[in-house]
Amino acid sequence: HTEEILDKTGRQITEKARKEIIDAVIMPVI
């Protein structure tokens, strides 16, 4: 991913991005 979804620490993605990946990638498949 690009840096735009990193949180303020710059060490991990935001909770918002995590939820978006679950909703857009996992839920339509499983």
PDB file of all heavy atoms in Angstrom:
ATOM      1  N   HIS A   1       0.842  -1.202   0.000  1.00  0.00           N
ATOM      2  CA  HIS A   1       0.000   0.000   0.000  1.00  0.00           C
ATOM      3  C   HIS A   1       0.877   1.251   0.000  1.00  0.00           C
ATOM      4  O   HIS A   1       2.086   1.200   0.286  1.00  0.00           O
ATOM      5  CB  HIS A   1      -0.914   0.000   1.237  1.00  0.00           C
ATOM      6  CG  HIS A   1      -0.159  -0.037   2.540  1.00  0.00           C
ATOM      7  ND1 HIS A   1       0.345   1.090   3.151  1.00  0.00           N
ATOM      8  CD2 HIS A   1       0.195  -1.073   3.338  1.00  0.00           C
ATOM      9  CE1 HIS A   1       0.972   0.746   4.256  1.00  0.00           C
ATOM     10  NE2 HIS A   1       0.894  -0.559   4.399  1.00  0.00           N
ATOM     11  N   THR A   2       0.267   2.357  -0.312  1.00  0.00           N
ATOM     12  CA  THR A   2       0.973   3.637  -0.254  1.00  0.00           C
ATOM     13  C   THR A   2       0.961   4.163   1.185  1.00  0.00           C
ATOM     14  O   THR A   2       0.261   3.637   2.055  1.00  0.00           O
ATOM     15  CB  THR A   2       0.301   4.658  -1.180  1.00  0.00           C
ATOM     16  OG1 THR A   2      -1.069   4.813  -0.791  1.00  0.00           O
ATOM     17  CG2 THR A   2       0.363   4.196  -2.626  1.00  0.00           C
ATOM     18  N   GLU A   3       1.723   5.218   1.421  1.00  0.00           N
ATOM     19  CA  GLU A   3       1.863   5.753   2.779  1.00  0.00           C
ATOM     20  C   GLU A   3       0.618   6.484   3.267  1.00  0.00           C
ATOM     21  O   GLU A   3       0.507   6.767   4.462  1.00  0.00           O
ATOM     22  CB  GLU A   3       3.074   6.682   2.836  1.00  0.00           C
ATOM     23  CG  GLU A   3       4.406   5.951   2.646  1.00  0.00           C
ATOM     24  CD  GLU A   3       5.593   6.884   2.802  1.00  0.00           C
ATOM     25  OE1 GLU A   3       5.393   8.124   2.748  1.00  0.00           O
ATOM     26  OE2 GLU A   3       6.725   6.385   2.981  1.00  0.00           O
ATOM     27  N   GLU A   4      -0.326   6.747   2.393  1.00  0.00           N
ATOM     28  CA  GLU A   4      -1.486   7.561   2.772  1.00  0.00           C
ATOM     29  C   GLU A   4      -2.382   6.903   3.817  1.00  0.00           C
ATOM     30  O   GLU A   4      -3.165   7.585   4.479  1.00  0.00           O
ATOM     31  CB  GLU A   4      -2.313   7.908   1.535  1.00  0.00           C
ATOM     32  CG  GLU A   4      -2.980   6.713   0.876  1.00  0.00           C
ATOM     33  CD  GLU A   4      -3.633   7.073  -0.445  1.00  0.00           C
ATOM     34  OE1 GLU A   4      -2.953   6.981  -1.488  1.00  0.00           O
ATOM     35  OE2 GLU A   4      -4.817   7.438  -0.430  1.00  0.00           O
ATOM     36  N   ILE A   5      -2.281   5.580   3.992  1.00  0.00           N
ATOM     37  CA  ILE A   5      -3.150   4.924   4.979  1.00  0.00           C
ATOM     38  C   ILE A   5      -2.401   4.587   6.275  1.00  0.00           C
ATOM     39  O   ILE A   5      -2.922   3.851   7.120  1.00  0.00           O
ATOM     40  CB  ILE A   5      -3.809   3.651   4.408  1.00  0.00           C
ATOM     41  CG1 ILE A   5      -2.757   2.607   4.004  1.00  0.00           C
ATOM     42  CG2 ILE A   5      -4.719   4.001   3.237  1.00  0.00           C
ATOM     43  CD1 ILE A   5      -3.353   1.230   3.723  1.00  0.00           C
ATOM     44  N   LEU A   6      -1.207   5.140   6.450  1.00  0.00           N
ATOM     45  CA  LEU A   6      -0.488   4.937   7.709  1.00  0.00           C
ATOM     46  C   LEU A   6      -1.059   5.846   8.795  1.00  0.00           C
ATOM     47  O   LEU A   6      -1.528   6.962   8.517  1.00  0.00           O
ATOM     48  CB  LEU A   6       1.001   5.232   7.526  1.00  0.00           C
ATOM     49  CG  LEU A   6       1.775   4.272   6.612  1.00  0.00           C
ATOM     50  CD1 LEU A   6       3.219   4.745   6.474  1.00  0.00           C
ATOM     51  CD2 LEU A   6       1.722   2.846   7.135  1.00  0.00           C
ATOM     52  N   ASP A   7      -1.010   5.383  10.051  1.00  0.00           N
ATOM     53  CA  ASP A   7      -1.473   6.224  11.153  1.00  0.00           C
ATOM     54  C   ASP A   7      -0.399   7.241  11.537  1.00  0.00           C
ATOM     55  O   ASP A   7       0.643   7.364  10.866  1.00  0.00           O
ATOM     56  CB  ASP A   7      -1.885   5.365  12.357  1.00  0.00           C
ATOM     57  CG  ASP A   7      -0.715   4.628  12.997  1.00  0.00           C
ATOM     58  OD1 ASP A   7       0.454   4.886  12.635  1.00  0.00           O
ATOM     59  OD2 ASP A   7      -0.971   3.777  13.870  1.00  0.00           O
ATOM     60  N   LYS A   8      -0.620   7.975  12.593  1.00  0.00           N
ATOM     61  CA  LYS A   8       0.285   9.053  12.978  1.00  0.00           C
ATOM     62  C   LYS A   8       1.690   8.568  13.340  1.00  0.00           C
ATOM     63  O   LYS A   8       2.667   9.302  13.218  1.00  0.00           O
ATOM     64  CB  LYS A   8      -0.310   9.831  14.158  1.00  0.00           C
ATOM     65  CG  LYS A   8      -1.567  10.617  13.791  1.00  0.00           C
ATOM     66  CD  LYS A   8      -2.124  11.360  15.003  1.00  0.00           C
ATOM     67  CE  LYS A   8      -3.380  12.129  14.640  1.00  0.00           C
ATOM     68  NZ  LYS A   8      -3.961  12.846  15.821  1.00  0.00           N
ATOM     69  N   THR A   9       1.786   7.319  13.782  1.00  0.00           N
ATOM     70  CA  THR A   9       3.104   6.780  14.139  1.00  0.00           C
ATOM     71  C   THR A   9       3.921   6.430  12.903  1.00  0.00           C
ATOM     72  O   THR A   9       5.157   6.322  12.980  1.00  0.00           O
ATOM     73  CB  THR A   9       2.970   5.510  14.998  1.00  0.00           C
ATOM     74  OG1 THR A   9       2.447   4.431  14.198  1.00  0.00           O
ATOM     75  CG2 THR A   9       2.052   5.742  16.180  1.00  0.00           C
ATOM     76  N   GLY A  10       3.260   6.224  11.775  1.00  0.00           N
ATOM     77  CA  GLY A  10       3.944   5.813  10.556  1.00  0.00           C
ATOM     78  C   GLY A  10       4.381   4.361  10.565  1.00  0.00           C
ATOM     79  O   GLY A  10       5.090   3.910   9.659  1.00  0.00           O
ATOM     80  N   ARG A  11       3.935   3.611  11.553  1.00  0.00           N
ATOM     81  CA  ARG A  11       4.388   2.228  11.711  1.00  0.00           C
ATOM     82  C   ARG A  11       3.312   1.203  11.361  1.00  0.00           C
ATOM     83  O   ARG A  11       3.607   0.016  11.256  1.00  0.00           O
ATOM     84  CB  ARG A  11       4.879   1.996  13.146  1.00  0.00           C
ATOM     85  CG  ARG A  11       6.114   2.813  13.509  1.00  0.00           C
ATOM     86  CD  ARG A  11       6.518   2.582  14.965  1.00  0.00           C
ATOM     87  NE  ARG A  11       6.814   1.178  15.224  1.00  0.00           N
ATOM     88  CZ  ARG A  11       7.989   0.605  14.993  1.00  0.00           C
ATOM     89  NH1 ARG A  11       8.984   1.317  14.476  1.00  0.00           N
ATOM     90  NH2 ARG A  11       8.185  -0.679  15.265  1.00  0.00           N
ATOM     91  N   GLN A  12       2.070   1.654  11.238  1.00  0.00           N
ATOM     92  CA  GLN A  12       1.015   0.709  10.901  1.00  0.00           C
ATOM     93  C   GLN A  12      -0.125   1.420  10.186  1.00  0.00           C
ATOM     94  O   GLN A  12      -0.248   2.645  10.242  1.00  0.00           O
ATOM     95  CB  GLN A  12       0.501   0.014  12.153  1.00  0.00           C
ATOM     96  CG  GLN A  12      -0.092   0.931  13.195  1.00  0.00           C
ATOM     97  CD  GLN A  12      -0.479   0.177  14.462  1.00  0.00           C
ATOM     98  OE1 GLN A  12       0.020  -0.907  14.742  1.00  0.00           O
ATOM     99  NE2 GLN A  12      -1.384   0.765  15.236  1.00  0.00           N
ATOM    100  N   ILE A  13      -0.969   0.608   9.509  1.00  0.00           N
ATOM    101  CA  ILE A  13      -2.102   1.191   8.805  1.00  0.00           C
ATOM    102  C   ILE A  13      -3.184   1.576   9.808  1.00  0.00           C
ATOM    103  O   ILE A  13      -3.232   1.073  10.931  1.00  0.00           O
ATOM    104  CB  ILE A  13      -2.666   0.216   7.748  1.00  0.00           C
ATOM    105  CG1 ILE A  13      -3.224  -1.062   8.398  1.00  0.00           C
ATOM    106  CG2 ILE A  13      -1.618  -0.131   6.714  1.00  0.00           C
ATOM    107  CD1 ILE A  13      -3.956  -1.983   7.426  1.00  0.00           C
ATOM    108  N   THR A  14      -4.047   2.483   9.381  1.00  0.00           N
ATOM    109  CA  THR A  14      -5.114   2.941  10.272  1.00  0.00           C
ATOM    110  C   THR A  14      -6.176   1.864  10.462  1.00  0.00           C
ATOM    111  O   THR A  14      -6.311   0.940   9.640  1.00  0.00           O
ATOM    112  CB  THR A  14      -5.793   4.195   9.700  1.00  0.00           C
ATOM    113  OG1 THR A  14      -6.418   3.848   8.451  1.00  0.00           O
ATOM    114  CG2 THR A  14      -4.783   5.307   9.477  1.00  0.00           C
ATOM    115  N   GLU A  15      -6.938   1.992  11.512  1.00  0.00           N
ATOM    116  CA  GLU A  15      -8.046   1.069  11.755  1.00  0.00           C
ATOM    117  C   GLU A  15      -9.092   1.196  10.641  1.00  0.00           C
ATOM    118  O   GLU A  15      -9.733   0.216  10.261  1.00  0.00           O
ATOM    119  CB  GLU A  15      -8.681   1.354  13.117  1.00  0.00           C
ATOM    120  CG  GLU A  15      -9.790   0.395  13.510  1.00  0.00           C
ATOM    121  CD  GLU A  15      -9.343  -1.060  13.566  1.00  0.00           C
ATOM    122  OE1 GLU A  15      -8.161  -1.324  13.875  1.00  0.00           O
ATOM    123  OE2 GLU A  15     -10.185  -1.941  13.264  1.00  0.00           O
ATOM    124  N   LYS A  16      -9.246   2.414  10.111  1.00  0.00           N
ATOM    125  CA  LYS A  16     -10.188   2.643   9.014  1.00  0.00           C
ATOM    126  C   LYS A  16      -9.779   1.824   7.785  1.00  0.00           C
ATOM    127  O   LYS A  16     -10.616   1.166   7.149  1.00  0.00           O
ATOM    128  CB  LYS A  16     -10.228   4.126   8.668  1.00  0.00           C
ATOM    129  CG  LYS A  16     -11.124   4.479   7.474  1.00  0.00           C
ATOM    130  CD  LYS A  16     -11.155   5.992   7.274  1.00  0.00           C
ATOM    131  CE  LYS A  16     -12.010   6.381   6.073  1.00  0.00           C
ATOM    132  NZ  LYS A  16     -11.413   5.979   4.784  1.00  0.00           N
ATOM    133  N   ALA A  17      -8.486   1.859   7.454  1.00  0.00           N
ATOM    134  CA  ALA A  17      -8.009   1.096   6.300  1.00  0.00           C
ATOM    135  C   ALA A  17      -8.160  -0.403   6.542  1.00  0.00           C
ATOM    136  O   ALA A  17      -8.537  -1.161   5.634  1.00  0.00           O
ATOM    137  CB  ALA A  17      -6.551   1.439   6.013  1.00  0.00           C
ATOM    138  N   ARG A  18      -7.868  -0.832   7.750  1.00  0.00           N
ATOM    139  CA  ARG A  18      -8.027  -2.254   8.085  1.00  0.00           C
ATOM    140  C   ARG A  18      -9.464  -2.701   7.868  1.00  0.00           C
ATOM    141  O   ARG A  18      -9.712  -3.756   7.266  1.00  0.00           O
ATOM    142  CB  ARG A  18      -7.603  -2.500   9.535  1.00  0.00           C
ATOM    143  CG  ARG A  18      -7.726  -3.944   9.993  1.00  0.00           C
ATOM    144  CD  ARG A  18      -7.329  -4.095  11.462  1.00  0.00           C
ATOM    145  NE  ARG A  18      -7.432  -5.482  11.889  1.00  0.00           N
ATOM    146  CZ  ARG A  18      -8.548  -6.064  12.296  1.00  0.00           C
ATOM    147  NH1 ARG A  18      -9.683  -5.367  12.342  1.00  0.00           N
ATOM    148  NH2 ARG A  18      -8.554  -7.340  12.659  1.00  0.00           N
ATOM    149  N   LYS A  19     -10.416  -1.900   8.335  1.00  0.00           N
ATOM    150  CA  LYS A  19     -11.832  -2.246   8.165  1.00  0.00           C
ATOM    151  C   LYS A  19     -12.230  -2.223   6.693  1.00  0.00           C
ATOM    152  O   LYS A  19     -13.013  -3.074   6.237  1.00  0.00           O
ATOM    153  CB  LYS A  19     -12.705  -1.278   8.957  1.00  0.00           C
ATOM    154  CG  LYS A  19     -14.184  -1.651   8.980  1.00  0.00           C
ATOM    155  CD  LYS A  19     -14.986  -0.709   9.843  1.00  0.00           C
ATOM    156  CE  LYS A  19     -16.441  -1.160   9.955  1.00  0.00           C
ATOM    157  NZ  LYS A  19     -17.101  -1.324   8.639  1.00  0.00           N
ATOM    158  N   GLU A  20     -11.691  -1.273   5.933  1.00  0.00           N
ATOM    159  CA  GLU A  20     -12.002  -1.206   4.501  1.00  0.00           C
ATOM    160  C   GLU A  20     -11.521  -2.464   3.778  1.00  0.00           C
ATOM    161  O   GLU A  20     -12.225  -2.987   2.901  1.00  0.00           O
ATOM    162  CB  GLU A  20     -11.360   0.033   3.883  1.00  0.00           C
ATOM    163  CG  GLU A  20     -12.048   1.332   4.258  1.00  0.00           C
ATOM    164  CD  GLU A  20     -11.326   2.550   3.718  1.00  0.00           C
ATOM    165  OE1 GLU A  20     -10.140   2.422   3.311  1.00  0.00           O
ATOM    166  OE2 GLU A  20     -11.933   3.645   3.715  1.00  0.00           O
ATOM    167  N   ILE A  21     -10.349  -2.954   4.130  1.00  0.00           N
ATOM    168  CA  ILE A  21      -9.818  -4.167   3.495  1.00  0.00           C
ATOM    169  C   ILE A  21     -10.675  -5.372   3.857  1.00  0.00           C
ATOM    170  O   ILE A  21     -10.992  -6.204   2.999  1.00  0.00           O
ATOM    171  CB  ILE A  21      -8.340  -4.370   3.890  1.00  0.00           C
ATOM    172  CG1 ILE A  21      -7.476  -3.255   3.274  1.00  0.00           C
ATOM    173  CG2 ILE A  21      -7.839  -5.744   3.452  1.00  0.00           C
ATOM    174  CD1 ILE A  21      -6.047  -3.221   3.772  1.00  0.00           C
ATOM    175  N   ILE A  22     -11.080  -5.471   5.117  1.00  0.00           N
ATOM    176  CA  ILE A  22     -11.963  -6.576   5.519  1.00  0.00           C
ATOM    177  C   ILE A  22     -13.276  -6.516   4.753  1.00  0.00           C
ATOM    178  O   ILE A  22     -13.750  -7.514   4.195  1.00  0.00           O
ATOM    179  CB  ILE A  22     -12.210  -6.543   7.038  1.00  0.00           C
ATOM    180  CG1 ILE A  22     -10.922  -6.901   7.795  1.00  0.00           C
ATOM    181  CG2 ILE A  22     -13.331  -7.517   7.425  1.00  0.00           C
ATOM    182  CD1 ILE A  22     -11.035  -6.742   9.302  1.00  0.00           C
ATOM    183  N   ASP A  23     -13.875  -5.331   4.693  1.00  0.00           N
ATOM    184  CA  ASP A  23     -15.191  -5.185   4.058  1.00  0.00           C
ATOM    185  C   ASP A  23     -15.132  -5.362   2.540  1.00  0.00           C
ATOM    186  O   ASP A  23     -16.051  -5.950   1.945  1.00  0.00           O
ATOM    187  CB  ASP A  23     -15.785  -3.813   4.394  1.00  0.00           C
ATOM    188  CG  ASP A  23     -16.190  -3.689   5.856  1.00  0.00           C
ATOM    189  OD1 ASP A  23     -16.322  -4.739   6.522  1.00  0.00           O
ATOM    190  OD2 ASP A  23     -16.367  -2.555   6.326  1.00  0.00           O
ATOM    191  N   ALA A  24     -14.065  -4.850   1.905  1.00  0.00           N
ATOM    192  CA  ALA A  24     -13.997  -4.854   0.436  1.00  0.00           C
ATOM    193  C   ALA A  24     -13.355  -6.114  -0.129  1.00  0.00           C
ATOM    194  O   ALA A  24     -13.657  -6.503  -1.263  1.00  0.00           O
ATOM    195  CB  ALA A  24     -13.225  -3.625  -0.058  1.00  0.00           C
ATOM    196  N   VAL A  25     -12.486  -6.749   0.641  1.00  0.00           N
ATOM    197  CA  VAL A  25     -11.754  -7.910   0.132  1.00  0.00           C
ATOM    198  C   VAL A  25     -12.289  -9.213   0.697  1.00  0.00           C
ATOM    199  O   VAL A  25     -12.610 -10.150  -0.048  1.00  0.00           O
ATOM    200  CB  VAL A  25     -10.240  -7.780   0.443  1.00  0.00           C
ATOM    201  CG1 VAL A  25      -9.487  -9.028  -0.013  1.00  0.00           C
ATOM    202  CG2 VAL A  25      -9.659  -6.541  -0.216  1.00  0.00           C
ATOM    203  N   ILE A  26     -12.427  -9.301   2.007  1.00  0.00           N
ATOM    204  CA  ILE A  26     -12.758 -10.578   2.647  1.00  0.00           C
ATOM    205  C   ILE A  26     -14.246 -10.902   2.556  1.00  0.00           C
ATOM    206  O   ILE A  26     -14.635 -12.002   2.148  1.00  0.00           O
ATOM    207  CB  ILE A  26     -12.281 -10.582   4.116  1.00  0.00           C
ATOM    208  CG1 ILE A  26     -10.754 -10.494   4.175  1.00  0.00           C
ATOM    209  CG2 ILE A  26     -12.784 -11.824   4.838  1.00  0.00           C
ATOM    210  CD1 ILE A  26     -10.196 -10.386   5.584  1.00  0.00           C
ATOM    211  N   MET A  27     -15.087  -9.965   2.944  1.00  0.00           N
ATOM    212  CA  MET A  27     -16.515 -10.261   3.064  1.00  0.00           C
ATOM    213  C   MET A  27     -17.195 -10.644   1.745  1.00  0.00           C
ATOM    214  O   MET A  27     -18.102 -11.482   1.741  1.00  0.00           O
ATOM    215  CB  MET A  27     -17.245  -9.098   3.738  1.00  0.00           C
ATOM    216  CG  MET A  27     -16.875  -8.943   5.204  1.00  0.00           C
ATOM    217  SD  MET A  27     -17.031 -10.523   6.093  1.00  0.00           S
ATOM    218  CE  MET A  27     -16.353 -10.094   7.694  1.00  0.00           C
ATOM    219  N   PRO A  28     -16.797 -10.075   0.598  1.00  0.00           N
ATOM    220  CA  PRO A  28     -17.426 -10.529  -0.653  1.00  0.00           C
ATOM    221  C   PRO A  28     -17.015 -11.946  -1.068  1.00  0.00           C
ATOM    222  O   PRO A  28     -17.665 -12.542  -1.923  1.00  0.00           O
ATOM    223  CB  PRO A  28     -16.921  -9.501  -1.682  1.00  0.00           C
ATOM    224  CG  PRO A  28     -16.529  -8.303  -0.891  1.00  0.00           C
ATOM    225  CD  PRO A  28     -15.975  -8.857   0.388  1.00  0.00           C
ATOM    226  N   VAL A  29     -15.960 -12.469  -0.474  1.00  0.00           N
ATOM    227  CA  VAL A  29     -15.426 -13.775  -0.877  1.00  0.00           C
ATOM    228  C   VAL A  29     -15.856 -14.895   0.061  1.00  0.00           C
ATOM    229  O   VAL A  29     -16.232 -15.982  -0.379  1.00  0.00           O
ATOM    230  CB  VAL A  29     -13.882 -13.717  -0.958  1.00  0.00           C
ATOM    231  CG1 VAL A  29     -13.287 -15.109  -1.131  1.00  0.00           C
ATOM    232  CG2 VAL A  29     -13.437 -12.800  -2.086  1.00  0.00           C
ATOM    233  N   ILE A  30     -15.796 -14.643   1.355  1.00  0.00           N
ATOM    234  CA  ILE A  30     -16.000 -15.693   2.351  1.00  0.00           C
ATOM    235  C   ILE A  30     -17.478 -15.826   2.713  1.00  0.00           C
ATOM    236  O   ILE A  30     -18.161 -14.831   2.980  1.00  0.00           O
ATOM    237  CB  ILE A  30     -15.187 -15.404   3.628  1.00  0.00           C
ATOM    238  CG1 ILE A  30     -13.705 -15.214   3.292  1.00  0.00           C
ATOM    239  CG2 ILE A  30     -15.372 -16.520   4.646  1.00  0.00           C
ATOM    240  CD1 ILE A  30     -13.016 -16.440   2.751  1.00  0.00           C
TER     241      ILE A  30
END
